[in-house]
Amino acid sequence: MESEFVSFEELDREHREERARDAERLRTGEITPEALQEENSIFPKDTVITWDAVAWARKAYLPE
């Protein structure tokens, strides 16, 4: 399957259109700011993310 080329300009235009649609939905009361944030978030609102900085630093900076 051949991949389709997408230019930065196309991505930027699509992003601006999405933001304009989101702004209109907020303006008309179709969606709450909290619901929009949840919709646009990578992780669900109640997700707990932990990160072990010491383990990451050891792996990244100390040779094995």
N, C-alpha and C. Protein backbone atom coordinates (compact mmCIF):
# COMPACT_ATOMS: atom_id res chain seq x y z
N MET A 1 0.84 -1.17 0.00
CA MET A 1 0.00 0.00 0.00
C MET A 1 0.89 1.24 0.00
N GLU A 2 0.61 2.17 -0.85
CA GLU A 2 1.39 3.38 -0.97
C GLU A 2 0.89 4.41 0.05
N SER A 3 1.83 5.02 0.78
CA SER A 3 1.42 6.01 1.77
C SER A 3 1.17 7.35 1.10
N GLU A 4 0.24 8.10 1.67
CA GLU A 4 -0.13 9.40 1.13
C GLU A 4 0.75 10.48 1.76
N PHE A 5 1.24 11.40 0.95
CA PHE A 5 2.05 12.50 1.44
C PHE A 5 1.13 13.57 2.01
N VAL A 6 1.45 14.01 3.22
CA VAL A 6 0.69 15.08 3.85
C VAL A 6 1.68 16.18 4.21
N SER A 7 1.43 17.36 3.72
CA SER A 7 2.35 18.47 3.97
C SER A 7 2.08 19.10 5.33
N PHE A 8 3.07 19.84 5.80
CA PHE A 8 2.91 20.57 7.05
C PHE A 8 1.74 21.54 6.94
N GLU A 9 1.60 22.17 5.79
CA GLU A 9 0.51 23.13 5.60
C GLU A 9 -0.84 22.47 5.75
N GLU A 10 -0.99 21.26 5.22
CA GLU A 10 -2.26 20.53 5.36
C GLU A 10 -2.53 20.18 6.82
N LEU A 11 -1.51 19.70 7.51
CA LEU A 11 -1.66 19.36 8.93
C LEU A 11 -2.03 20.60 9.73
N ASP A 12 -1.35 21.70 9.44
CA ASP A 12 -1.63 22.96 10.14
C ASP A 12 -3.06 23.43 9.88
N ARG A 13 -3.50 23.35 8.63
CA ARG A 13 -4.86 23.77 8.27
C ARG A 13 -5.89 22.92 8.99
N GLU A 14 -5.68 21.60 9.00
CA GLU A 14 -6.62 20.70 9.68
C GLU A 14 -6.66 20.99 11.17
N HIS A 15 -5.50 21.25 11.76
CA HIS A 15 -5.45 21.55 13.19
C HIS A 15 -6.21 22.84 13.50
N ARG A 16 -6.02 23.86 12.67
CA ARG A 16 -6.72 25.13 12.88
C ARG A 16 -8.23 24.95 12.72
N GLU A 17 -8.65 24.14 11.76
CA GLU A 17 -10.09 23.88 11.58
C GLU A 17 -10.68 23.16 12.79
N GLU A 18 -9.93 22.18 13.32
CA GLU A 18 -10.39 21.46 14.51
C GLU A 18 -10.54 22.41 15.69
N ARG A 19 -9.56 23.29 15.89
CA ARG A 19 -9.63 24.25 16.99
C ARG A 19 -10.79 25.21 16.80
N ALA A 20 -11.05 25.63 15.57
CA ALA A 20 -12.18 26.53 15.31
C ALA A 20 -13.50 25.82 15.62
N ARG A 21 -13.60 24.53 15.24
CA ARG A 21 -14.82 23.77 15.56
C ARG A 21 -14.98 23.63 17.07
N ASP A 22 -13.87 23.37 17.76
CA ASP A 22 -13.92 23.25 19.22
C ASP A 22 -14.37 24.57 19.85
N ALA A 23 -13.84 25.68 19.37
CA ALA A 23 -14.22 26.99 19.91
C ALA A 23 -15.70 27.26 19.69
N GLU A 24 -16.20 26.90 18.53
CA GLU A 24 -17.63 27.09 18.23
C GLU A 24 -18.50 26.22 19.14
N ARG A 25 -18.09 24.99 19.34
CA ARG A 25 -18.84 24.09 20.23
C ARG A 25 -18.87 24.64 21.66
N LEU A 26 -17.75 25.20 22.10
CA LEU A 26 -17.72 25.81 23.43
C LEU A 26 -18.62 27.04 23.49
N ARG A 27 -18.54 27.88 22.46
CA ARG A 27 -19.33 29.11 22.41
C ARG A 27 -20.82 28.82 22.46
N THR A 28 -21.27 27.79 21.74
CA THR A 28 -22.69 27.48 21.68
C THR A 28 -23.17 26.64 22.86
N GLY A 29 -22.24 26.22 23.71
CA GLY A 29 -22.63 25.41 24.86
C GLY A 29 -22.85 23.95 24.52
N GLU A 30 -22.47 23.54 23.33
CA GLU A 30 -22.63 22.15 22.92
C GLU A 30 -21.78 21.22 23.78
N ILE A 31 -20.67 21.75 24.29
CA ILE A 31 -19.76 20.94 25.09
C ILE A 31 -19.17 21.82 26.19
N THR A 32 -18.86 21.23 27.32
CA THR A 32 -18.22 21.97 28.41
C THR A 32 -16.71 21.96 28.21
N PRO A 33 -16.02 22.91 28.82
CA PRO A 33 -14.55 22.89 28.72
C PRO A 33 -13.95 21.58 29.24
N GLU A 34 -14.53 21.06 30.32
CA GLU A 34 -14.02 19.81 30.89
C GLU A 34 -14.22 18.64 29.93
N ALA A 35 -15.39 18.58 29.30
CA ALA A 35 -15.67 17.49 28.36
C ALA A 35 -14.77 17.59 27.13
N LEU A 36 -14.51 18.81 26.68
CA LEU A 36 -13.62 19.00 25.53
C LEU A 36 -12.20 18.59 25.88
N GLN A 37 -11.77 18.94 27.08
CA GLN A 37 -10.43 18.55 27.52
C GLN A 37 -10.32 17.03 27.55
N GLU A 38 -11.34 16.36 28.06
CA GLU A 38 -11.35 14.90 28.11
C GLU A 38 -11.33 14.32 26.70
N GLU A 39 -12.10 14.90 25.82
CA GLU A 39 -12.18 14.43 24.43
C GLU A 39 -10.83 14.56 23.72
N ASN A 40 -10.10 15.61 24.00
CA ASN A 40 -8.83 15.87 23.32
C ASN A 40 -7.62 15.28 24.03
N SER A 41 -7.83 14.69 25.19
CA SER A 41 -6.72 14.17 25.98
C SER A 41 -6.28 12.80 25.48
N ILE A 42 -4.99 12.53 25.60
CA ILE A 42 -4.46 11.22 25.24
C ILE A 42 -4.88 10.19 26.28
N PHE A 43 -4.88 10.63 27.54
CA PHE A 43 -5.22 9.73 28.64
C PHE A 43 -6.54 10.14 29.26
N PRO A 44 -7.33 9.16 29.72
CA PRO A 44 -8.56 9.50 30.44
C PRO A 44 -8.25 10.33 31.68
N LYS A 45 -9.23 11.12 32.12
CA LYS A 45 -9.03 12.05 33.22
C LYS A 45 -8.55 11.38 34.50
N ASP A 46 -9.02 10.19 34.79
CA ASP A 46 -8.68 9.54 36.05
C ASP A 46 -7.43 8.66 35.97
N THR A 47 -6.70 8.74 34.87
CA THR A 47 -5.48 7.94 34.71
C THR A 47 -4.39 8.47 35.64
N VAL A 48 -3.72 7.55 36.33
CA VAL A 48 -2.60 7.91 37.19
C VAL A 48 -1.32 7.49 36.47
N ILE A 49 -0.44 8.44 36.25
CA ILE A 49 0.80 8.17 35.55
C ILE A 49 1.95 8.33 36.54
N THR A 50 2.75 7.29 36.66
CA THR A 50 3.91 7.37 37.54
C THR A 50 5.18 7.23 36.70
N TRP A 51 6.23 7.84 37.18
CA TRP A 51 7.49 7.83 36.44
C TRP A 51 8.62 7.76 37.45
N ASP A 52 9.45 6.77 37.32
CA ASP A 52 10.59 6.59 38.20
C ASP A 52 11.79 7.31 37.57
N ALA A 53 12.02 8.54 38.00
CA ALA A 53 13.07 9.37 37.41
C ALA A 53 14.46 8.78 37.66
N VAL A 54 14.67 8.19 38.82
CA VAL A 54 15.98 7.63 39.14
C VAL A 54 16.28 6.45 38.22
N ALA A 55 15.32 5.56 38.04
CA ALA A 55 15.53 4.41 37.15
C ALA A 55 15.75 4.88 35.70
N TRP A 56 15.00 5.88 35.29
CA TRP A 56 15.16 6.40 33.94
C TRP A 56 16.56 6.99 33.76
N ALA A 57 17.02 7.79 34.74
CA ALA A 57 18.33 8.41 34.64
C ALA A 57 19.43 7.36 34.63
N ARG A 58 19.31 6.32 35.45
CA ARG A 58 20.32 5.27 35.46
C ARG A 58 20.40 4.60 34.09
N LYS A 59 19.26 4.29 33.52
CA LYS A 59 19.23 3.62 32.22
C LYS A 59 19.76 4.55 31.13
N ALA A 60 19.42 5.82 31.20
CA ALA A 60 19.81 6.76 30.16
C ALA A 60 21.27 7.18 30.23
N TYR A 61 21.82 7.28 31.45
CA TYR A 61 23.14 7.88 31.60
C TYR A 61 24.24 6.95 32.09
N LEU A 62 23.88 5.79 32.64
CA LEU A 62 24.91 4.89 33.13
C LEU A 62 25.07 3.70 32.18
N PRO A 63 26.29 3.40 31.78
CA PRO A 63 26.49 2.26 30.87
C PRO A 63 26.20 0.95 31.61
N GLU A 64 25.77 0.00 30.85
CA GLU A 64 25.45 -1.30 31.46
C GLU A 64 26.62 -2.22 31.39
